[in-house]
Amino acid sequence: MAAASAPGKPKRRWRRWLAVAALLAVYPAFVLVAVYSRFFAADLPGGRNGPADAYRHSLASAVVAYTTSPRLVDLVTQVMERGGEGNRGRAMDAHNNRIGAQIGAAAADWPAMNAAVLQAVRAGAIDASEPDRITWLPPSDWQDRLY
């Protein structure tokens, strides 16, 4: 009897792994759609190293922190930005990721989170050094590309 159920177990495990893999593939797509639908509507300048870049990073981090955990934002930031040492653009991104994660973790709901991120970007500044203020680089460092 036990031998008859053994062939079904690997099949079930395979289905579980497939379901987990599908979920892991769908989540990044969800984050990208959530971020870029707001990003293009905001129409901010400085797609790379400017206010638009700051908005994209802080919003993505807020979405991830709101839907999962700020710890995941920290992990992704460590991998993607490598802490920002020696690179002003990466340091800016890591800084804005931390702020976005704080906003997402504290948000009462989805609309409040989105509004808080946009408000934080509007209150941001060039080379802001305050730990709770969104920052971006001077216009001479901006690039039009979005990645």
N, C-alpha and C. Protein backbone atom coordinates (compact mmCIF):
# COMPACT_ATOMS: atom_id res chain seq x y z
N MET A 1 0.82 -1.19 0.00
CA MET A 1 0.00 0.00 0.00
C MET A 1 0.86 1.26 0.00
N ALA A 2 1.92 1.23 0.80
CA ALA A 2 2.81 2.39 0.86
C ALA A 2 3.50 2.63 -0.47
N ALA A 3 3.80 1.55 -1.16
CA ALA A 3 4.47 1.69 -2.46
C ALA A 3 3.57 2.35 -3.49
N ALA A 4 2.26 2.19 -3.37
CA ALA A 4 1.33 2.78 -4.33
C ALA A 4 1.26 4.30 -4.18
N SER A 5 1.46 4.80 -2.95
CA SER A 5 1.38 6.25 -2.75
C SER A 5 2.71 6.95 -3.05
N ALA A 6 3.79 6.20 -3.09
CA ALA A 6 5.10 6.80 -3.32
C ALA A 6 5.21 7.51 -4.66
N PRO A 7 4.69 6.95 -5.77
CA PRO A 7 4.82 7.66 -7.04
C PRO A 7 4.09 9.01 -7.04
N GLY A 8 3.03 9.17 -6.28
CA GLY A 8 2.28 10.43 -6.25
C GLY A 8 3.00 11.54 -5.51
N LYS A 9 3.82 11.19 -4.54
CA LYS A 9 4.50 12.21 -3.73
C LYS A 9 5.46 13.08 -4.55
N PRO A 10 6.32 12.50 -5.36
CA PRO A 10 7.19 13.37 -6.16
C PRO A 10 6.39 14.30 -7.08
N LYS A 11 5.29 13.82 -7.60
CA LYS A 11 4.47 14.64 -8.47
C LYS A 11 3.89 15.83 -7.69
N ARG A 12 3.44 15.59 -6.48
CA ARG A 12 2.90 16.68 -5.64
C ARG A 12 4.00 17.68 -5.29
N ARG A 13 5.16 17.17 -4.96
CA ARG A 13 6.28 18.07 -4.64
C ARG A 13 6.62 18.93 -5.85
N TRP A 14 6.63 18.31 -7.01
CA TRP A 14 6.91 19.04 -8.24
C TRP A 14 5.89 20.15 -8.42
N ARG A 15 4.63 19.89 -8.19
CA ARG A 15 3.57 20.90 -8.32
C ARG A 15 3.75 22.03 -7.31
N ARG A 16 4.13 21.67 -6.11
CA ARG A 16 4.37 22.71 -5.09
C ARG A 16 5.52 23.61 -5.49
N TRP A 17 6.62 22.99 -5.94
CA TRP A 17 7.77 23.79 -6.38
C TRP A 17 7.41 24.66 -7.57
N LEU A 18 6.62 24.12 -8.47
CA LEU A 18 6.18 24.90 -9.62
C LEU A 18 5.31 26.08 -9.19
N ALA A 19 4.44 25.85 -8.22
CA ALA A 19 3.59 26.93 -7.71
C ALA A 19 4.43 28.01 -7.04
N VAL A 20 5.41 27.61 -6.25
CA VAL A 20 6.30 28.57 -5.59
C VAL A 20 7.11 29.35 -6.63
N ALA A 21 7.63 28.65 -7.63
CA ALA A 21 8.39 29.32 -8.69
C ALA A 21 7.53 30.33 -9.45
N ALA A 22 6.29 29.95 -9.72
CA ALA A 22 5.38 30.86 -10.43
C ALA A 22 5.11 32.10 -9.58
N LEU A 23 4.91 31.91 -8.30
CA LEU A 23 4.67 33.04 -7.41
C LEU A 23 5.88 33.96 -7.36
N LEU A 24 7.06 33.38 -7.28
CA LEU A 24 8.29 34.18 -7.26
C LEU A 24 8.50 34.93 -8.57
N ALA A 25 8.03 34.40 -9.66
CA ALA A 25 8.15 35.08 -10.95
C ALA A 25 7.11 36.18 -11.09
N VAL A 26 5.94 36.00 -10.52
CA VAL A 26 4.86 36.97 -10.65
C VAL A 26 5.11 38.20 -9.77
N TYR A 27 5.70 38.02 -8.60
CA TYR A 27 5.87 39.15 -7.69
C TYR A 27 6.71 40.29 -8.28
N PRO A 28 7.87 40.02 -8.88
CA PRO A 28 8.61 41.13 -9.49
C PRO A 28 7.81 41.84 -10.58
N ALA A 29 7.04 41.10 -11.34
CA ALA A 29 6.20 41.72 -12.37
C ALA A 29 5.16 42.63 -11.73
N PHE A 30 4.58 42.19 -10.64
CA PHE A 30 3.63 43.02 -9.90
C PHE A 30 4.29 44.33 -9.45
N VAL A 31 5.49 44.23 -8.88
CA VAL A 31 6.20 45.43 -8.40
C VAL A 31 6.49 46.36 -9.56
N LEU A 32 6.97 45.82 -10.67
CA LEU A 32 7.28 46.66 -11.83
C LEU A 32 6.05 47.38 -12.36
N VAL A 33 4.94 46.68 -12.47
CA VAL A 33 3.70 47.32 -12.95
C VAL A 33 3.25 48.39 -11.97
N ALA A 34 3.28 48.09 -10.69
CA ALA A 34 2.86 49.06 -9.68
C ALA A 34 3.72 50.32 -9.71
N VAL A 35 5.01 50.14 -9.90
CA VAL A 35 5.94 51.28 -9.90
C VAL A 35 5.85 52.07 -11.20
N TYR A 36 5.97 51.40 -12.32
CA TYR A 36 6.03 52.13 -13.59
C TYR A 36 4.70 52.78 -13.97
N SER A 37 3.59 52.25 -13.52
CA SER A 37 2.32 52.92 -13.81
C SER A 37 2.26 54.28 -13.10
N ARG A 38 2.83 54.37 -11.91
CA ARG A 38 2.90 55.65 -11.19
C ARG A 38 4.05 56.51 -11.70
N PHE A 39 5.15 55.87 -12.01
CA PHE A 39 6.36 56.57 -12.44
C PHE A 39 6.10 57.42 -13.69
N PHE A 40 5.51 56.82 -14.71
CA PHE A 40 5.25 57.56 -15.95
C PHE A 40 4.23 58.67 -15.74
N ALA A 41 3.26 58.45 -14.88
CA ALA A 41 2.24 59.47 -14.60
C ALA A 41 2.83 60.66 -13.85
N ALA A 42 3.87 60.43 -13.07
CA ALA A 42 4.47 61.52 -12.27
C ALA A 42 5.20 62.53 -13.14
N ASP A 43 5.73 62.09 -14.29
CA ASP A 43 6.39 62.98 -15.25
C ASP A 43 7.47 63.84 -14.59
N LEU A 44 8.37 63.18 -13.87
CA LEU A 44 9.47 63.88 -13.20
C LEU A 44 10.71 63.88 -14.10
N PRO A 45 11.56 64.87 -13.98
CA PRO A 45 12.80 64.91 -14.77
C PRO A 45 13.86 64.01 -14.16
N GLY A 46 14.90 63.75 -14.93
CA GLY A 46 16.05 63.01 -14.40
C GLY A 46 15.79 61.53 -14.26
N GLY A 47 15.61 60.85 -15.40
CA GLY A 47 15.33 59.42 -15.38
C GLY A 47 16.40 58.59 -14.71
N ARG A 48 17.61 59.06 -14.76
CA ARG A 48 18.73 58.38 -14.09
C ARG A 48 19.47 59.44 -13.28
N ASN A 49 19.57 59.23 -11.99
CA ASN A 49 20.28 60.10 -11.04
C ASN A 49 19.53 61.37 -10.66
N GLY A 50 18.33 61.56 -11.19
CA GLY A 50 17.53 62.75 -10.87
C GLY A 50 16.30 62.40 -10.05
N PRO A 51 15.37 63.34 -9.95
CA PRO A 51 14.15 63.11 -9.17
C PRO A 51 13.33 61.90 -9.64
N ALA A 52 13.26 61.65 -10.94
CA ALA A 52 12.51 60.49 -11.43
C ALA A 52 13.15 59.19 -10.93
N ASP A 53 14.46 59.13 -10.94
CA ASP A 53 15.18 57.96 -10.44
C ASP A 53 14.92 57.78 -8.95
N ALA A 54 14.97 58.88 -8.22
CA ALA A 54 14.70 58.84 -6.78
C ALA A 54 13.28 58.34 -6.52
N TYR A 55 12.34 58.80 -7.32
CA TYR A 55 10.95 58.38 -7.17
C TYR A 55 10.80 56.89 -7.46
N ARG A 56 11.40 56.43 -8.53
CA ARG A 56 11.30 55.03 -8.91
C ARG A 56 11.86 54.12 -7.81
N HIS A 57 13.02 54.47 -7.29
CA HIS A 57 13.63 53.65 -6.23
C HIS A 57 12.83 53.69 -4.94
N SER A 58 12.43 54.87 -4.52
CA SER A 58 11.70 54.96 -3.26
C SER A 58 10.33 54.30 -3.37
N LEU A 59 9.67 54.43 -4.51
CA LEU A 59 8.36 53.80 -4.69
C LEU A 59 8.49 52.28 -4.75
N ALA A 60 9.45 51.77 -5.48
CA ALA A 60 9.64 50.32 -5.54
C ALA A 60 9.92 49.75 -4.15
N SER A 61 10.74 50.43 -3.39
CA SER A 61 11.06 49.97 -2.04
C SER A 61 9.84 50.06 -1.13
N ALA A 62 9.05 51.09 -1.30
CA ALA A 62 7.82 51.21 -0.50
C ALA A 62 6.86 50.07 -0.84
N VAL A 63 6.71 49.76 -2.12
CA VAL A 63 5.82 48.68 -2.53
C VAL A 63 6.28 47.35 -1.94
N VAL A 64 7.57 47.08 -2.02
CA VAL A 64 8.09 45.82 -1.49
C VAL A 64 7.93 45.77 0.03
N ALA A 65 8.25 46.84 0.73
CA ALA A 65 8.10 46.86 2.18
C ALA A 65 6.64 46.75 2.60
N TYR A 66 5.76 47.39 1.85
CA TYR A 66 4.32 47.34 2.17
C TYR A 66 3.76 45.94 1.96
N THR A 67 4.19 45.27 0.90
CA THR A 67 3.61 43.96 0.57
C THR A 67 4.37 42.79 1.18
N THR A 68 5.62 43.00 1.59
CA THR A 68 6.38 41.91 2.21
C THR A 68 7.01 42.40 3.51
N SER A 69 8.24 42.93 3.42
CA SER A 69 8.97 43.36 4.61
C SER A 69 10.09 44.32 4.23
N PRO A 70 10.38 45.29 5.09
CA PRO A 70 11.53 46.17 4.84
C PRO A 70 12.85 45.39 4.78
N ARG A 71 12.89 44.24 5.43
CA ARG A 71 14.10 43.42 5.39
C ARG A 71 14.41 42.94 3.98
N LEU A 72 13.36 42.67 3.20
CA LEU A 72 13.58 42.27 1.81
C LEU A 72 14.16 43.43 1.01
N VAL A 73 13.72 44.65 1.29
CA VAL A 73 14.28 45.83 0.63
C VAL A 73 15.77 45.94 0.97
N ASP A 74 16.11 45.74 2.24
CA ASP A 74 17.52 45.80 2.64
C ASP A 74 18.35 44.76 1.89
N LEU A 75 17.83 43.56 1.78
CA LEU A 75 18.54 42.49 1.08
C LEU A 75 18.74 42.83 -0.39
N VAL A 76 17.68 43.27 -1.05
CA VAL A 76 17.78 43.61 -2.47
C VAL A 76 18.72 44.80 -2.66
N THR A 77 18.66 45.77 -1.77
CA THR A 77 19.56 46.93 -1.86
C THR A 77 21.02 46.50 -1.73
N GLN A 78 21.30 45.61 -0.80
CA GLN A 78 22.68 45.13 -0.64
C GLN A 78 23.18 44.46 -1.91
N VAL A 79 22.31 43.71 -2.56
CA VAL A 79 22.70 43.01 -3.79
C VAL A 79 22.81 43.97 -4.97
N MET A 80 21.80 44.80 -5.15
CA MET A 80 21.73 45.66 -6.34
C MET A 80 22.62 46.90 -6.25
N GLU A 81 22.71 47.48 -5.08
CA GLU A 81 23.46 48.74 -4.95
C GLU A 81 24.82 48.55 -4.29
N ARG A 82 25.07 47.35 -3.80
CA ARG A 82 26.35 47.03 -3.15
C ARG A 82 26.72 48.07 -2.10
N GLY A 83 25.70 48.58 -1.37
CA GLY A 83 25.93 49.54 -0.30
C GLY A 83 26.20 50.96 -0.76
N GLY A 84 26.53 51.16 -1.99
CA GLY A 84 26.74 52.50 -2.51
C GLY A 84 28.15 53.05 -2.32
N GLU A 85 29.05 52.26 -1.74
CA GLU A 85 30.40 52.77 -1.49
C GLU A 85 31.10 53.13 -2.79
N GLY A 86 31.58 54.35 -2.87
CA GLY A 86 32.38 54.78 -4.01
C GLY A 86 31.61 55.15 -5.26
N ASN A 87 30.31 55.09 -5.23
CA ASN A 87 29.51 55.42 -6.41
C ASN A 87 28.33 56.28 -5.96
N ARG A 88 28.34 57.54 -6.35
CA ARG A 88 27.31 58.48 -5.88
C ARG A 88 25.91 58.05 -6.30
N GLY A 89 25.75 57.53 -7.51
CA GLY A 89 24.44 57.09 -7.98
C GLY A 89 23.91 55.92 -7.17
N ARG A 90 24.77 54.96 -6.88
CA ARG A 90 24.34 53.81 -6.08
C ARG A 90 24.07 54.21 -4.64
N ALA A 91 24.88 55.11 -4.11
CA ALA A 91 24.64 55.60 -2.74
C ALA A 91 23.30 56.32 -2.67
N MET A 92 22.99 57.11 -3.69
CA MET A 92 21.70 57.81 -3.76
C MET A 92 20.56 56.79 -3.80
N ASP A 93 20.70 55.76 -4.63
CA ASP A 93 19.66 54.74 -4.74
C ASP A 93 19.46 54.02 -3.41
N ALA A 94 20.55 53.63 -2.75
CA ALA A 94 20.45 52.93 -1.46
C ALA A 94 19.78 53.82 -0.42
N HIS A 95 20.13 55.09 -0.40
CA HIS A 95 19.52 56.05 0.53
C HIS A 95 18.01 56.14 0.28
N ASN A 96 17.62 56.29 -0.97
CA ASN A 96 16.20 56.41 -1.30
C ASN A 96 15.44 55.10 -1.09
N ASN A 97 16.12 53.97 -1.27
CA ASN A 97 15.50 52.68 -0.97
C ASN A 97 15.14 52.57 0.51
N ARG A 98 16.05 53.02 1.38
CA ARG A 98 15.78 52.97 2.82
C ARG A 98 14.57 53.83 3.17
N ILE A 99 14.50 55.01 2.59
CA ILE A 99 13.37 55.89 2.88
C ILE A 99 12.08 55.29 2.35
N GLY A 100 12.10 54.76 1.15
CA GLY A 100 10.92 54.11 0.60
C GLY A 100 10.46 52.95 1.46
N ALA A 101 11.40 52.15 1.95
CA ALA A 101 11.05 51.02 2.81
C ALA A 101 10.38 51.50 4.09
N GLN A 102 10.87 52.58 4.65
CA GLN A 102 10.25 53.14 5.87
C GLN A 102 8.83 53.60 5.58
N ILE A 103 8.64 54.25 4.45
CA ILE A 103 7.31 54.72 4.08
C ILE A 103 6.37 53.54 3.88
N GLY A 104 6.81 52.54 3.14
CA GLY A 104 5.97 51.37 2.88
C GLY A 104 5.61 50.61 4.15
N ALA A 105 6.58 50.46 5.05
CA ALA A 105 6.34 49.73 6.29
C ALA A 105 5.36 50.46 7.20
N ALA A 106 5.35 51.78 7.14
CA ALA A 106 4.48 52.57 8.03
C ALA A 106 3.13 52.91 7.41
N ALA A 107 2.95 52.64 6.13
CA ALA A 107 1.72 53.06 5.44
C ALA A 107 0.49 52.32 5.95
N ALA A 108 -0.59 53.09 6.10
CA ALA A 108 -1.85 52.51 6.54
C ALA A 108 -2.55 51.75 5.41
N ASP A 109 -2.38 52.25 4.20
CA ASP A 109 -3.01 51.60 3.05
C ASP A 109 -2.25 51.98 1.78
N TRP A 110 -2.66 51.35 0.67
CA TRP A 110 -1.98 51.54 -0.62
C TRP A 110 -1.99 52.99 -1.10
N PRO A 111 -3.15 53.66 -1.12
CA PRO A 111 -3.15 55.07 -1.57
C PRO A 111 -2.29 55.97 -0.69
N ALA A 112 -2.31 55.74 0.61
CA ALA A 112 -1.50 56.55 1.52
C ALA A 112 -0.01 56.34 1.25
N MET A 113 0.37 55.10 0.97
CA MET A 113 1.77 54.80 0.66
C MET A 113 2.21 55.55 -0.60
N ASN A 114 1.41 55.45 -1.66
CA ASN A 114 1.75 56.13 -2.90
C ASN A 114 1.85 57.64 -2.72
N ALA A 115 0.91 58.21 -2.00
CA ALA A 115 0.92 59.66 -1.76
C ALA A 115 2.14 60.07 -0.93
N ALA A 116 2.48 59.27 0.07
CA ALA A 116 3.62 59.60 0.94
C ALA A 116 4.94 59.56 0.17
N VAL A 117 5.08 58.61 -0.74
CA VAL A 117 6.31 58.54 -1.53
C VAL A 117 6.42 59.76 -2.44
N LEU A 118 5.36 60.09 -3.13
CA LEU A 118 5.40 61.26 -4.02
C LEU A 118 5.67 62.53 -3.23
N GLN A 119 5.05 62.66 -2.08
CA GLN A 119 5.29 63.84 -1.22
C GLN A 119 6.75 63.88 -0.77
N ALA A 120 7.32 62.73 -0.41
CA ALA A 120 8.72 62.70 0.02
C ALA A 120 9.65 63.10 -1.12
N VAL A 121 9.33 62.68 -2.33
CA VAL A 121 10.16 63.07 -3.48
C VAL A 121 10.03 64.56 -3.74
N ARG A 122 8.83 65.08 -3.67
CA ARG A 122 8.64 66.53 -3.87
C ARG A 122 9.37 67.35 -2.81
N ALA A 123 9.57 66.78 -1.63
CA ALA A 123 10.29 67.47 -0.56
C ALA A 123 11.79 67.17 -0.61
N GLY A 124 12.22 66.37 -1.57
CA GLY A 124 13.63 66.00 -1.70
C GLY A 124 14.47 67.13 -2.24
N ALA A 125 15.76 66.85 -2.35
CA ALA A 125 16.69 67.89 -2.80
C ALA A 125 17.95 67.26 -3.37
N ILE A 126 18.69 68.07 -4.09
CA ILE A 126 19.99 67.67 -4.62
C ILE A 126 20.94 67.44 -3.45
N ASP A 127 21.61 66.30 -3.46
CA ASP A 127 22.61 65.95 -2.45
C ASP A 127 22.11 66.13 -1.01
N ALA A 128 20.85 65.82 -0.76
CA ALA A 128 20.31 65.92 0.60
C ALA A 128 21.05 64.92 1.49
N SER A 129 21.46 65.36 2.65
CA SER A 129 22.22 64.49 3.54
C SER A 129 21.39 64.00 4.72
N GLU A 130 20.20 64.55 4.90
CA GLU A 130 19.35 64.13 6.00
C GLU A 130 18.91 62.68 5.77
N PRO A 131 18.91 61.85 6.82
CA PRO A 131 18.58 60.44 6.63
C PRO A 131 17.12 60.17 6.23
N ASP A 132 16.26 61.15 6.43
CA ASP A 132 14.85 60.96 6.09
C ASP A 132 14.39 61.83 4.92
N ARG A 133 15.33 62.30 4.12
CA ARG A 133 14.99 63.14 2.98
C ARG A 133 15.48 62.51 1.68
N ILE A 134 14.57 62.41 0.72
CA ILE A 134 14.90 61.88 -0.60
C ILE A 134 15.97 62.76 -1.24
N THR A 135 16.86 62.13 -1.96
CA THR A 135 17.96 62.87 -2.57
C THR A 135 18.16 62.44 -4.02
N TRP A 136 18.80 63.31 -4.77
CA TRP A 136 19.22 62.99 -6.13
C TRP A 136 20.46 63.81 -6.45
N LEU A 137 21.08 63.50 -7.55
CA LEU A 137 22.31 64.18 -7.93
C LEU A 137 22.00 65.47 -8.69
N PRO A 138 23.00 66.34 -8.88
CA PRO A 138 22.79 67.58 -9.63
C PRO A 138 22.38 67.30 -11.08
N PRO A 139 21.68 68.24 -11.71
CA PRO A 139 21.23 68.04 -13.10
C PRO A 139 22.35 67.67 -14.07
N SER A 140 23.56 68.10 -13.82
CA SER A 140 24.66 67.76 -14.72
C SER A 140 24.95 66.25 -14.73
N ASP A 141 24.48 65.53 -13.71
CA ASP A 141 24.69 64.08 -13.62
C ASP A 141 23.48 63.27 -14.10
N TRP A 142 22.41 63.94 -14.47
CA TRP A 142 21.20 63.23 -14.89
C TRP A 142 21.40 62.64 -16.28
N GLN A 143 20.72 61.52 -16.49
CA GLN A 143 20.70 60.88 -17.80
C GLN A 143 19.25 60.57 -18.14
N ASP A 144 18.94 60.54 -19.41
CA ASP A 144 17.57 60.31 -19.83
C ASP A 144 17.13 58.87 -19.68
N ARG A 145 18.05 57.94 -19.71
CA ARG A 145 17.67 56.54 -19.65
C ARG A 145 16.99 56.21 -18.32
N LEU A 146 16.18 55.16 -18.32
CA LEU A 146 15.38 54.82 -17.14
C LEU A 146 15.90 53.64 -16.34
N TYR A 147 17.05 53.12 -16.64
CA TYR A 147 17.55 51.95 -15.92
C TYR A 147 18.87 52.26 -15.25
